[in-house]
Amino acid sequence: MLLADLIAGSRDQQAINWTAETLLKFVTDARVFEQPDGTDFNALLAPGTHFVTTGTNAPVAGAGNRWAVEVILDPTSETLLQRASLLEGGTALIIGHRRRTGAGVWENWLGGSVRPEDVGWDDPNWFSDKINLKEVIIAIGEWLYALDRGVGDIYPVTRTTLRDNELKANGALLSRASYPELWAHAQSSGLLVTEANWSSNNQGSFSSGDGSTTFRIPDLRGEFMRGWDDGRGVDSGRGAGTSQGFAIQSHVHPIAGYEGSTGGGTGATVLRQTGGGPFNVGSTGGTETRPRNVAYMVVIRFR
């Protein structure tokens, strides 16, 4: 089972806490390395925590920068993961993460900068606190869980808040420059339509926006998702990303009855159509046809 499954695959808080406590037992005794100044981050392959000053191939360059680099080995896939935190130097705390491919090549750093006071790491004793260390482990699990999803993936979540790599799938018009990875995905997705076509039963697709600086994301608010037919013939005649209104399958409402004897016979009520129009049995129901359901927020990954 992957670490991501252990920590973040289950949203059960008790399971997360148990996993964090278990990992904490090993992390407390984990190897710690003080590396020479200028060490190449690409050469940090031994699992454990490496402390490096003015390292090369770091998330950001800077003389005198002091880094804590956690190297994690996934025992199932044998993938190496690095998580680098800037402890000293610079004007903001940098948190970067990346993984090493099967070909032995480190991918580009991902992450960003936050203020130390946002996470409490401005306290020099922060790392000595086991509660905070447990939070670090949980955060790593959340990050590994995020690696299981790609840019442009859409999925429901059991929360009403967004993570820093998510947007609501609400049909918003976005800047191509502000969301370059999501725009690149939209262009290669096979679900990119014009703005006019998006508004005409293609709300599950991306639109090209104004054609130069913007694009629009799918709008899944209030919608059920259905597997694309793709030639099977169950829901033919539509493409992926198209919208579909509600409908009821064609059926009849048989009415049983017979005519009693002349002169006040007994039996069921006799129904006769006396005019030339259709015979109605009345209407009932609400404004749509739907099955039982549960509502969740639907989000889309943008990086």
C-alpha atoms as a PDB file:
ATOM      1  CA  MET A   1       0.000   0.000   0.000  1.00  0.00           C
ATOM      2  CA  LEU A   2       1.326   3.442  -0.942  1.00  0.00           C
ATOM      3  CA  LEU A   3       2.060   6.054   1.693  1.00  0.00           C
ATOM      4  CA  ALA A   4      -0.493   8.230  -0.064  1.00  0.00           C
ATOM      5  CA  ASP A   5      -3.126   5.535   0.506  1.00  0.00           C
ATOM      6  CA  LEU A   6      -2.172   5.203   4.152  1.00  0.00           C
ATOM      7  CA  ILE A   7      -2.262   8.860   5.010  1.00  0.00           C
ATOM      8  CA  ALA A   8      -4.584  10.568   2.592  1.00  0.00           C
ATOM      9  CA  GLY A   9      -6.420   7.875   0.649  1.00  0.00           C
ATOM     10  CA  SER A  10      -8.777   7.562   3.597  1.00  0.00           C
ATOM     11  CA  ARG A  11     -10.372  10.762   4.838  1.00  0.00           C
ATOM     12  CA  ASP A  12     -11.053   9.122   8.183  1.00  0.00           C
ATOM     13  CA  GLN A  13      -9.288  11.331  10.729  1.00  0.00           C
ATOM     14  CA  GLN A  14      -8.637   8.424  13.107  1.00  0.00           C
ATOM     15  CA  ALA A  15      -6.926   6.469  10.326  1.00  0.00           C
ATOM     16  CA  ILE A  16      -4.842   9.509   9.385  1.00  0.00           C
ATOM     17  CA  ASN A  17      -3.791  10.079  12.985  1.00  0.00           C
ATOM     18  CA  TRP A  18      -2.914   6.403  13.475  1.00  0.00           C
ATOM     19  CA  THR A  19      -0.780   6.411  10.346  1.00  0.00           C
ATOM     20  CA  ALA A  20       0.940   9.615  11.382  1.00  0.00           C
ATOM     21  CA  GLU A  21       1.718   8.195  14.826  1.00  0.00           C
ATOM     22  CA  THR A  22       3.095   5.006  13.250  1.00  0.00           C
ATOM     23  CA  LEU A  23       5.290   6.923  10.837  1.00  0.00           C
ATOM     24  CA  LEU A  24       6.360   9.248  13.625  1.00  0.00           C
ATOM     25  CA  LYS A  25       7.919   6.267  15.411  1.00  0.00           C
ATOM     26  CA  PHE A  26      10.172   5.684  12.407  1.00  0.00           C
ATOM     27  CA  VAL A  27      10.779   9.349  11.601  1.00  0.00           C
ATOM     28  CA  THR A  28      11.955  10.029  15.174  1.00  0.00           C
ATOM     29  CA  ASP A  29      14.755   7.496  14.627  1.00  0.00           C
ATOM     30  CA  ALA A  30      15.297   8.382  10.954  1.00  0.00           C
ATOM     31  CA  ARG A  31      18.729   9.253   9.640  1.00  0.00           C
ATOM     32  CA  VAL A  32      19.789  12.894   9.635  1.00  0.00           C
ATOM     33  CA  PHE A  33      22.624  14.119   7.411  1.00  0.00           C
ATOM     34  CA  GLU A  34      24.612  17.348   7.613  1.00  0.00           C
ATOM     35  CA  GLN A  35      25.826  17.834   4.045  1.00  0.00           C
ATOM     36  CA  PRO A  36      28.803  19.957   2.927  1.00  0.00           C
ATOM     37  CA  ASP A  37      28.089  23.474   1.716  1.00  0.00           C
ATOM     38  CA  GLY A  38      27.186  23.584  -1.961  1.00  0.00           C
ATOM     39  CA  THR A  39      25.928  19.972  -2.118  1.00  0.00           C
ATOM     40  CA  ASP A  40      24.002  19.137  -5.286  1.00  0.00           C
ATOM     41  CA  PHE A  41      20.363  18.398  -4.410  1.00  0.00           C
ATOM     42  CA  ASN A  42      20.282  15.897  -7.275  1.00  0.00           C
ATOM     43  CA  ALA A  43      22.783  13.761  -5.350  1.00  0.00           C
ATOM     44  CA  LEU A  44      20.595  13.500  -2.230  1.00  0.00           C
ATOM     45  CA  LEU A  45      19.319   9.956  -2.686  1.00  0.00           C
ATOM     46  CA  ALA A  46      19.555   8.429   0.803  1.00  0.00           C
ATOM     47  CA  PRO A  47      16.198   8.412   2.642  1.00  0.00           C
ATOM     48  CA  GLY A  48      16.239  10.731   5.624  1.00  0.00           C
ATOM     49  CA  THR A  49      16.599  14.450   6.321  1.00  0.00           C
ATOM     50  CA  HIS A  50      19.515  16.308   4.741  1.00  0.00           C
ATOM     51  CA  PHE A  51      20.598  19.764   5.911  1.00  0.00           C
ATOM     52  CA  VAL A  52      22.330  21.750   3.165  1.00  0.00           C
ATOM     53  CA  THR A  53      23.660  25.311   2.940  1.00  0.00           C
ATOM     54  CA  THR A  54      23.966  27.032  -0.462  1.00  0.00           C
ATOM     55  CA  GLY A  55      23.098  23.861  -2.363  1.00  0.00           C
ATOM     56  CA  THR A  56      22.890  23.580  -6.133  1.00  0.00           C
ATOM     57  CA  ASN A  57      19.739  22.519  -8.034  1.00  0.00           C
ATOM     58  CA  ALA A  58      17.678  23.836  -5.090  1.00  0.00           C
ATOM     59  CA  PRO A  59      14.114  25.154  -5.597  1.00  0.00           C
ATOM     60  CA  VAL A  60      15.591  28.698  -5.580  1.00  0.00           C
ATOM     61  CA  ALA A  61      19.196  29.864  -5.712  1.00  0.00           C
ATOM     62  CA  GLY A  62      20.786  31.956  -3.008  1.00  0.00           C
ATOM     63  CA  ALA A  63      24.114  32.113  -1.180  1.00  0.00           C
ATOM     64  CA  GLY A  64      23.768  31.185   2.478  1.00  0.00           C
ATOM     65  CA  ASN A  65      20.329  29.629   2.095  1.00  0.00           C
ATOM     66  CA  ARG A  66      19.842  26.855   4.652  1.00  0.00           C
ATOM     67  CA  TRP A  67      17.656  23.937   3.565  1.00  0.00           C
ATOM     68  CA  ALA A  68      16.073  20.897   5.155  1.00  0.00           C
ATOM     69  CA  VAL A  69      15.577  18.288   2.414  1.00  0.00           C
ATOM     70  CA  GLU A  70      13.476  15.228   3.198  1.00  0.00           C
ATOM     71  CA  VAL A  71      14.153  12.258   0.919  1.00  0.00           C
ATOM     72  CA  ILE A  72      11.390   9.655   0.914  1.00  0.00           C
ATOM     73  CA  LEU A  73      11.466   6.249  -0.773  1.00  0.00           C
ATOM     74  CA  ASP A  74       8.172   4.717  -1.828  1.00  0.00           C
ATOM     75  CA  PRO A  75       8.744   0.995  -1.109  1.00  0.00           C
ATOM     76  CA  THR A  76       6.121  -0.102  -3.617  1.00  0.00           C
ATOM     77  CA  SER A  77       7.154   1.839  -6.713  1.00  0.00           C
ATOM     78  CA  GLU A  78      10.721   2.551  -5.516  1.00  0.00           C
ATOM     79  CA  THR A  79      10.160   6.172  -6.470  1.00  0.00           C
ATOM     80  CA  LEU A  80      12.262   8.773  -4.660  1.00  0.00           C
ATOM     81  CA  LEU A  81      10.585  11.962  -3.474  1.00  0.00           C
ATOM     82  CA  GLN A  82      12.223  15.159  -2.224  1.00  0.00           C
ATOM     83  CA  ARG A  83      10.603  17.854  -0.103  1.00  0.00           C
ATOM     84  CA  ALA A  84      12.764  20.928   0.483  1.00  0.00           C
ATOM     85  CA  SER A  85      12.053  23.614   3.093  1.00  0.00           C
ATOM     86  CA  LEU A  86      14.014  26.865   3.269  1.00  0.00           C
ATOM     87  CA  LEU A  87      14.974  27.328   6.926  1.00  0.00           C
ATOM     88  CA  GLU A  88      17.219  30.389   6.717  1.00  0.00           C
ATOM     89  CA  GLY A  89      17.832  33.029   4.052  1.00  0.00           C
ATOM     90  CA  GLY A  90      15.517  34.713   1.587  1.00  0.00           C
ATOM     91  CA  THR A  91      12.414  36.690   2.444  1.00  0.00           C
ATOM     92  CA  ALA A  92       9.851  33.894   2.526  1.00  0.00           C
ATOM     93  CA  LEU A  93       9.666  30.229   3.342  1.00  0.00           C
ATOM     94  CA  ILE A  94      10.030  28.102   0.216  1.00  0.00           C
ATOM     95  CA  ILE A  95       8.414  24.675   0.169  1.00  0.00           C
ATOM     96  CA  GLY A  96       9.364  22.648  -2.905  1.00  0.00           C
ATOM     97  CA  HIS A  97       8.734  19.055  -3.869  1.00  0.00           C
ATOM     98  CA  ARG A  98       9.656  16.805  -6.778  1.00  0.00           C
ATOM     99  CA  ARG A  99      10.137  13.142  -7.638  1.00  0.00           C
ATOM    100  CA  ARG A 100      12.752  11.078  -9.468  1.00  0.00           C
ATOM    101  CA  THR A 101      11.603   9.201 -12.563  1.00  0.00           C
ATOM    102  CA  GLY A 102      12.336   5.563 -13.291  1.00  0.00           C
ATOM    103  CA  ALA A 103      15.065   6.752 -15.649  1.00  0.00           C
ATOM    104  CA  GLY A 104      16.862   8.371 -12.714  1.00  0.00           C
ATOM    105  CA  VAL A 105      16.008  11.957 -13.663  1.00  0.00           C
ATOM    106  CA  TRP A 106      14.662  14.451 -11.131  1.00  0.00           C
ATOM    107  CA  GLU A 107      11.530  16.285 -12.274  1.00  0.00           C
ATOM    108  CA  ASN A 108      11.217  20.063 -11.957  1.00  0.00           C
ATOM    109  CA  TRP A 109      10.519  21.523  -8.531  1.00  0.00           C
ATOM    110  CA  LEU A 110       6.877  22.263  -7.712  1.00  0.00           C
ATOM    111  CA  GLY A 111       5.572  24.352  -4.852  1.00  0.00           C
ATOM    112  CA  GLY A 112       5.750  27.981  -3.828  1.00  0.00           C
ATOM    113  CA  SER A 113       6.492  30.458  -1.092  1.00  0.00           C
ATOM    114  CA  VAL A 114       4.577  31.228   2.079  1.00  0.00           C
ATOM    115  CA  ARG A 115       5.351  33.360   5.092  1.00  0.00           C
ATOM    116  CA  PRO A 116       6.901  31.448   7.996  1.00  0.00           C
ATOM    117  CA  GLU A 117       4.274  32.784  10.384  1.00  0.00           C
ATOM    118  CA  ASP A 118       1.554  31.179   8.250  1.00  0.00           C
ATOM    119  CA  VAL A 119       2.727  27.717   9.268  1.00  0.00           C
ATOM    120  CA  GLY A 120       4.537  28.441  12.523  1.00  0.00           C
ATOM    121  CA  TRP A 121       7.992  27.620  11.188  1.00  0.00           C
ATOM    122  CA  ASP A 122       9.382  30.955  12.357  1.00  0.00           C
ATOM    123  CA  ASP A 123       9.633  29.330  15.796  1.00  0.00           C
ATOM    124  CA  PRO A 124      13.190  27.885  16.084  1.00  0.00           C
ATOM    125  CA  ASN A 125      11.822  25.003  18.188  1.00  0.00           C
ATOM    126  CA  TRP A 126       9.111  24.121  15.687  1.00  0.00           C
ATOM    127  CA  PHE A 127      10.767  20.952  14.365  1.00  0.00           C
ATOM    128  CA  SER A 128      11.447  19.641  17.876  1.00  0.00           C
ATOM    129  CA  ASP A 129       7.740  19.542  18.622  1.00  0.00           C
ATOM    130  CA  LYS A 130       6.372  16.064  17.899  1.00  0.00           C
ATOM    131  CA  ILE A 131       2.885  17.452  17.293  1.00  0.00           C
ATOM    132  CA  ASN A 132       4.257  19.666  14.542  1.00  0.00           C
ATOM    133  CA  LEU A 133       6.279  16.762  13.160  1.00  0.00           C
ATOM    134  CA  LYS A 134       3.056  14.791  12.973  1.00  0.00           C
ATOM    135  CA  GLU A 135       1.536  17.687  11.016  1.00  0.00           C
ATOM    136  CA  VAL A 136       4.485  17.522   8.611  1.00  0.00           C
ATOM    137  CA  ILE A 137       3.879  13.813   8.030  1.00  0.00           C
ATOM    138  CA  ILE A 138       0.191  14.407   7.370  1.00  0.00           C
ATOM    139  CA  ALA A 139       1.083  17.241   4.984  1.00  0.00           C
ATOM    140  CA  ILE A 140       3.456  14.934   3.097  1.00  0.00           C
ATOM    141  CA  GLY A 141       0.665  12.392   2.795  1.00  0.00           C
ATOM    142  CA  GLU A 142      -1.685  15.050   1.433  1.00  0.00           C
ATOM    143  CA  TRP A 143       0.979  15.999  -1.115  1.00  0.00           C
ATOM    144  CA  LEU A 144       1.517  12.383  -2.170  1.00  0.00           C
ATOM    145  CA  TYR A 145      -2.241  11.960  -2.478  1.00  0.00           C
ATOM    146  CA  ALA A 146      -2.300  14.967  -4.798  1.00  0.00           C
ATOM    147  CA  LEU A 147       0.311  13.315  -7.032  1.00  0.00           C
ATOM    148  CA  ASP A 148      -2.298  10.679  -7.901  1.00  0.00           C
ATOM    149  CA  ARG A 149      -4.283  13.313  -9.786  1.00  0.00           C
ATOM    150  CA  GLY A 150      -3.263  15.300 -12.834  1.00  0.00           C
ATOM    151  CA  VAL A 151      -3.852  18.828 -14.074  1.00  0.00           C
ATOM    152  CA  GLY A 152      -7.373  19.115 -15.477  1.00  0.00           C
ATOM    153  CA  ASP A 153      -8.779  16.197 -13.472  1.00  0.00           C
ATOM    154  CA  ILE A 154     -12.292  16.800 -12.138  1.00  0.00           C
ATOM    155  CA  TYR A 155     -13.526  15.073  -8.985  1.00  0.00           C
ATOM    156  CA  PRO A 156     -16.010  15.530  -6.099  1.00  0.00           C
ATOM    157  CA  VAL A 157     -14.656  16.292  -2.614  1.00  0.00           C
ATOM    158  CA  THR A 158     -16.144  15.870   0.848  1.00  0.00           C
ATOM    159  CA  ARG A 159     -15.415  19.461   1.884  1.00  0.00           C
ATOM    160  CA  THR A 160     -16.462  22.984   0.964  1.00  0.00           C
ATOM    161  CA  THR A 161     -12.965  24.492   0.890  1.00  0.00           C
ATOM    162  CA  LEU A 162     -10.360  24.410  -1.883  1.00  0.00           C
ATOM    163  CA  ARG A 163      -6.774  23.240  -1.723  1.00  0.00           C
ATOM    164  CA  ASP A 164      -4.070  25.423  -3.236  1.00  0.00           C
ATOM    165  CA  ASN A 165      -4.073  23.464  -6.509  1.00  0.00           C
ATOM    166  CA  GLU A 166      -7.843  23.327  -7.023  1.00  0.00           C
ATOM    167  CA  LEU A 167     -10.610  25.474  -8.473  1.00  0.00           C
ATOM    168  CA  LYS A 168     -14.358  25.000  -8.326  1.00  0.00           C
ATOM    169  CA  ALA A 169     -15.632  23.442 -11.551  1.00  0.00           C
ATOM    170  CA  ASN A 170     -18.065  26.322 -11.961  1.00  0.00           C
ATOM    171  CA  GLY A 171     -17.595  27.423 -15.568  1.00  0.00           C
ATOM    172  CA  ALA A 172     -15.404  30.394 -14.626  1.00  0.00           C
ATOM    173  CA  LEU A 173     -13.598  32.437 -17.262  1.00  0.00           C
ATOM    174  CA  LEU A 174      -9.875  32.325 -16.466  1.00  0.00           C
ATOM    175  CA  SER A 175      -6.705  34.037 -17.634  1.00  0.00           C
ATOM    176  CA  ARG A 176      -4.469  31.862 -19.799  1.00  0.00           C
ATOM    177  CA  ALA A 177      -1.416  33.580 -18.330  1.00  0.00           C
ATOM    178  CA  SER A 178      -2.515  32.953 -14.731  1.00  0.00           C
ATOM    179  CA  TYR A 179      -3.306  29.257 -15.286  1.00  0.00           C
ATOM    180  CA  PRO A 180      -0.827  28.128 -17.980  1.00  0.00           C
ATOM    181  CA  GLU A 181      -0.817  24.427 -17.021  1.00  0.00           C
ATOM    182  CA  LEU A 182      -4.614  24.178 -17.058  1.00  0.00           C
ATOM    183  CA  TRP A 183      -4.772  26.065 -20.368  1.00  0.00           C
ATOM    184  CA  ALA A 184      -2.197  23.657 -21.836  1.00  0.00           C
ATOM    185  CA  HIS A 185      -4.351  20.744 -20.665  1.00  0.00           C
ATOM    186  CA  ALA A 186      -7.465  22.307 -22.192  1.00  0.00           C
ATOM    187  CA  GLN A 187      -5.746  22.583 -25.568  1.00  0.00           C
ATOM    188  CA  SER A 188      -4.703  18.912 -25.553  1.00  0.00           C
ATOM    189  CA  SER A 189      -7.868  17.525 -23.940  1.00  0.00           C
ATOM    190  CA  GLY A 190      -9.980  17.138 -27.073  1.00  0.00           C
ATOM    191  CA  LEU A 191     -12.711  19.029 -25.179  1.00  0.00           C
ATOM    192  CA  LEU A 192     -11.925  22.582 -26.280  1.00  0.00           C
ATOM    193  CA  VAL A 193     -14.777  24.413 -28.031  1.00  0.00           C
ATOM    194  CA  THR A 194     -15.555  28.007 -28.897  1.00  0.00           C
ATOM    195  CA  GLU A 195     -17.266  30.222 -26.344  1.00  0.00           C
ATOM    196  CA  ALA A 196     -20.469  30.165 -28.407  1.00  0.00           C
ATOM    197  CA  ASN A 197     -20.477  26.360 -28.591  1.00  0.00           C
ATOM    198  CA  TRP A 198     -19.701  26.080 -24.867  1.00  0.00           C
ATOM    199  CA  SER A 199     -22.914  27.954 -24.075  1.00  0.00           C
ATOM    200  CA  SER A 200     -24.847  25.572 -26.330  1.00  0.00           C
ATOM    201  CA  ASN A 201     -24.884  22.221 -24.468  1.00  0.00           C
ATOM    202  CA  ASN A 202     -21.106  21.935 -24.027  1.00  0.00           C
ATOM    203  CA  GLN A 203     -20.740  23.041 -20.412  1.00  0.00           C
ATOM    204  CA  GLY A 204     -18.705  19.905 -19.669  1.00  0.00           C
ATOM    205  CA  SER A 205     -15.971  21.153 -22.012  1.00  0.00           C
ATOM    206  CA  PHE A 206     -13.400  23.954 -21.968  1.00  0.00           C
ATOM    207  CA  SER A 207     -13.989  27.037 -24.088  1.00  0.00           C
ATOM    208  CA  SER A 208     -11.409  29.156 -25.896  1.00  0.00           C
ATOM    209  CA  GLY A 209     -12.793  32.236 -24.121  1.00  0.00           C
ATOM    210  CA  ASP A 210     -12.102  35.468 -25.944  1.00  0.00           C
ATOM    211  CA  GLY A 211      -9.764  33.619 -28.320  1.00  0.00           C
ATOM    212  CA  SER A 212      -6.574  35.266 -27.098  1.00  0.00           C
ATOM    213  CA  THR A 213      -6.176  35.806 -23.327  1.00  0.00           C
ATOM    214  CA  THR A 214      -8.913  33.811 -21.565  1.00  0.00           C
ATOM    215  CA  PHE A 215     -10.479  30.357 -21.477  1.00  0.00           C
ATOM    216  CA  ARG A 216     -13.431  28.818 -19.654  1.00  0.00           C
ATOM    217  CA  ILE A 217     -13.498  25.691 -17.480  1.00  0.00           C
ATOM    218  CA  PRO A 218     -16.308  23.102 -17.269  1.00  0.00           C
ATOM    219  CA  ASP A 219     -19.344  23.836 -15.113  1.00  0.00           C
ATOM    220  CA  LEU A 220     -20.403  20.809 -13.059  1.00  0.00           C
ATOM    221  CA  ARG A 221     -22.574  22.625 -10.520  1.00  0.00           C
ATOM    222  CA  GLY A 222     -25.859  20.799 -10.010  1.00  0.00           C
ATOM    223  CA  GLU A 223     -25.012  18.177 -12.648  1.00  0.00           C
ATOM    224  CA  PHE A 224     -24.742  14.388 -12.659  1.00  0.00           C
ATOM    225  CA  MET A 225     -21.740  12.992 -14.520  1.00  0.00           C
ATOM    226  CA  ARG A 226     -22.293  10.182 -17.032  1.00  0.00           C
ATOM    227  CA  GLY A 227     -19.735   7.949 -18.695  1.00  0.00           C
ATOM    228  CA  TRP A 228     -19.157   8.936 -22.327  1.00  0.00           C
ATOM    229  CA  ASP A 229     -20.852   6.419 -24.653  1.00  0.00           C
ATOM    230  CA  ASP A 230     -17.878   6.369 -27.095  1.00  0.00           C
ATOM    231  CA  GLY A 231     -19.613   4.158 -29.644  1.00  0.00           C
ATOM    232  CA  ARG A 232     -21.320   1.707 -27.290  1.00  0.00           C
ATOM    233  CA  GLY A 233     -24.823   2.722 -28.384  1.00  0.00           C
ATOM    234  CA  VAL A 234     -26.431   3.253 -24.964  1.00  0.00           C
ATOM    235  CA  ASP A 235     -26.265   7.059 -25.124  1.00  0.00           C
ATOM    236  CA  SER A 236     -25.338   7.597 -28.748  1.00  0.00           C
ATOM    237  CA  GLY A 237     -25.190  10.805 -30.717  1.00  0.00           C
ATOM    238  CA  ARG A 238     -23.181  12.907 -28.243  1.00  0.00           C
ATOM    239  CA  GLY A 239     -19.576  13.774 -27.690  1.00  0.00           C
ATOM    240  CA  ALA A 240     -17.552  13.960 -24.498  1.00  0.00           C
ATOM    241  CA  GLY A 241     -18.135  17.141 -22.530  1.00  0.00           C
ATOM    242  CA  THR A 242     -21.647  17.735 -23.890  1.00  0.00           C
ATOM    243  CA  SER A 243     -24.607  18.572 -21.689  1.00  0.00           C
ATOM    244  CA  GLN A 244     -27.970  16.813 -21.753  1.00  0.00           C
ATOM    245  CA  GLY A 245     -31.330  17.876 -20.387  1.00  0.00           C
ATOM    246  CA  PHE A 246     -33.522  15.665 -18.233  1.00  0.00           C
ATOM    247  CA  ALA A 247     -35.950  13.218 -19.849  1.00  0.00           C
ATOM    248  CA  ILE A 248     -38.306  10.346 -19.062  1.00  0.00           C
ATOM    249  CA  GLN A 249     -38.143   7.101 -21.032  1.00  0.00           C
ATOM    250  CA  SER A 250     -41.189   6.586 -23.244  1.00  0.00           C
ATOM    251  CA  HIS A 251     -43.895   4.520 -21.515  1.00  0.00           C
ATOM    252  CA  VAL A 252     -47.693   4.118 -21.183  1.00  0.00           C
ATOM    253  CA  HIS A 253     -50.135   4.364 -18.285  1.00  0.00           C
ATOM    254  CA  PRO A 254     -52.684   1.545 -18.738  1.00  0.00           C
ATOM    255  CA  ILE A 255     -56.069   2.095 -17.093  1.00  0.00           C
ATOM    256  CA  ALA A 256     -58.116  -0.994 -16.212  1.00  0.00           C
ATOM    257  CA  GLY A 257     -61.962  -0.859 -16.286  1.00  0.00           C
ATOM    258  CA  TYR A 258     -65.074  -2.452 -17.636  1.00  0.00           C
ATOM    259  CA  GLU A 259     -68.673  -1.447 -18.214  1.00  0.00           C
ATOM    260  CA  GLY A 260     -71.287  -2.814 -15.842  1.00  0.00           C
ATOM    261  CA  SER A 261     -74.736  -4.018 -16.818  1.00  0.00           C
ATOM    262  CA  THR A 262     -77.376  -1.646 -18.083  1.00  0.00           C
ATOM    263  CA  GLY A 263     -79.479  -0.129 -15.394  1.00  0.00           C
ATOM    264  CA  GLY A 264     -76.966   0.381 -12.600  1.00  0.00           C
ATOM    265  CA  GLY A 265     -74.608  -2.538 -12.833  1.00  0.00           C
ATOM    266  CA  THR A 266     -71.636  -3.028 -10.580  1.00  0.00           C
ATOM    267  CA  GLY A 267     -67.893  -2.943 -11.344  1.00  0.00           C
ATOM    268  CA  ALA A 268     -65.031  -0.538 -11.970  1.00  0.00           C
ATOM    269  CA  THR A 269     -65.502   3.039 -13.083  1.00  0.00           C
ATOM    270  CA  VAL A 270     -65.946   3.242 -16.826  1.00  0.00           C
ATOM    271  CA  LEU A 271     -63.740   5.830 -18.615  1.00  0.00           C
ATOM    272  CA  ARG A 272     -64.772   7.030 -22.042  1.00  0.00           C
ATOM    273  CA  GLN A 273     -63.107   9.667 -24.207  1.00  0.00           C
ATOM    274  CA  THR A 274     -65.900  11.883 -25.399  1.00  0.00           C
ATOM    275  CA  GLY A 275     -63.941  14.476 -27.389  1.00  0.00           C
ATOM    276  CA  GLY A 276     -61.351  14.364 -30.080  1.00  0.00           C
ATOM    277  CA  GLY A 277     -58.289  15.236 -27.984  1.00  0.00           C
ATOM    278  CA  PRO A 278     -55.969  13.027 -25.845  1.00  0.00           C
ATOM    279  CA  PHE A 279     -57.113  11.606 -22.522  1.00  0.00           C
ATOM    280  CA  ASN A 280     -55.028  12.804 -19.495  1.00  0.00           C
ATOM    281  CA  VAL A 281     -54.799  11.222 -16.057  1.00  0.00           C
ATOM    282  CA  GLY A 282     -53.430  14.390 -14.409  1.00  0.00           C
ATOM    283  CA  SER A 283     -49.909  15.567 -13.537  1.00  0.00           C
ATOM    284  CA  THR A 284     -47.704  15.231 -10.490  1.00  0.00           C
ATOM    285  CA  GLY A 285     -44.064  15.752  -9.510  1.00  0.00           C
ATOM    286  CA  GLY A 286     -41.567  18.594  -9.383  1.00  0.00           C
ATOM    287  CA  THR A 287     -39.498  20.586 -11.873  1.00  0.00           C
ATOM    288  CA  GLU A 288     -37.094  17.774 -12.874  1.00  0.00           C
ATOM    289  CA  THR A 289     -36.702  14.003 -12.979  1.00  0.00           C
ATOM    290  CA  ARG A 290     -33.908  12.749 -10.721  1.00  0.00           C
ATOM    291  CA  PRO A 291     -32.731   9.750  -8.663  1.00  0.00           C
ATOM    292  CA  ARG A 292     -31.794   9.912  -4.995  1.00  0.00           C
ATOM    293  CA  ASN A 293     -28.505  11.729  -4.647  1.00  0.00           C
ATOM    294  CA  VAL A 294     -25.953  13.441  -2.394  1.00  0.00           C
ATOM    295  CA  ALA A 295     -24.438  16.826  -3.272  1.00  0.00           C
ATOM    296  CA  TYR A 296     -20.665  17.416  -3.127  1.00  0.00           C
ATOM    297  CA  MET A 297     -18.485  20.230  -4.399  1.00  0.00           C
ATOM    298  CA  VAL A 298     -16.764  19.335  -7.681  1.00  0.00           C
ATOM    299  CA  VAL A 299     -13.266  20.704  -8.228  1.00  0.00           C
ATOM    300  CA  ILE A 300     -10.696  20.805 -11.031  1.00  0.00           C
ATOM    301  CA  ARG A 301      -6.893  20.589 -10.631  1.00  0.00           C
ATOM    302  CA  PHE A 302      -5.041  23.547 -12.165  1.00  0.00           C
ATOM    303  CA  ARG A 303      -1.439  22.505 -11.312  1.00  0.00           C
END
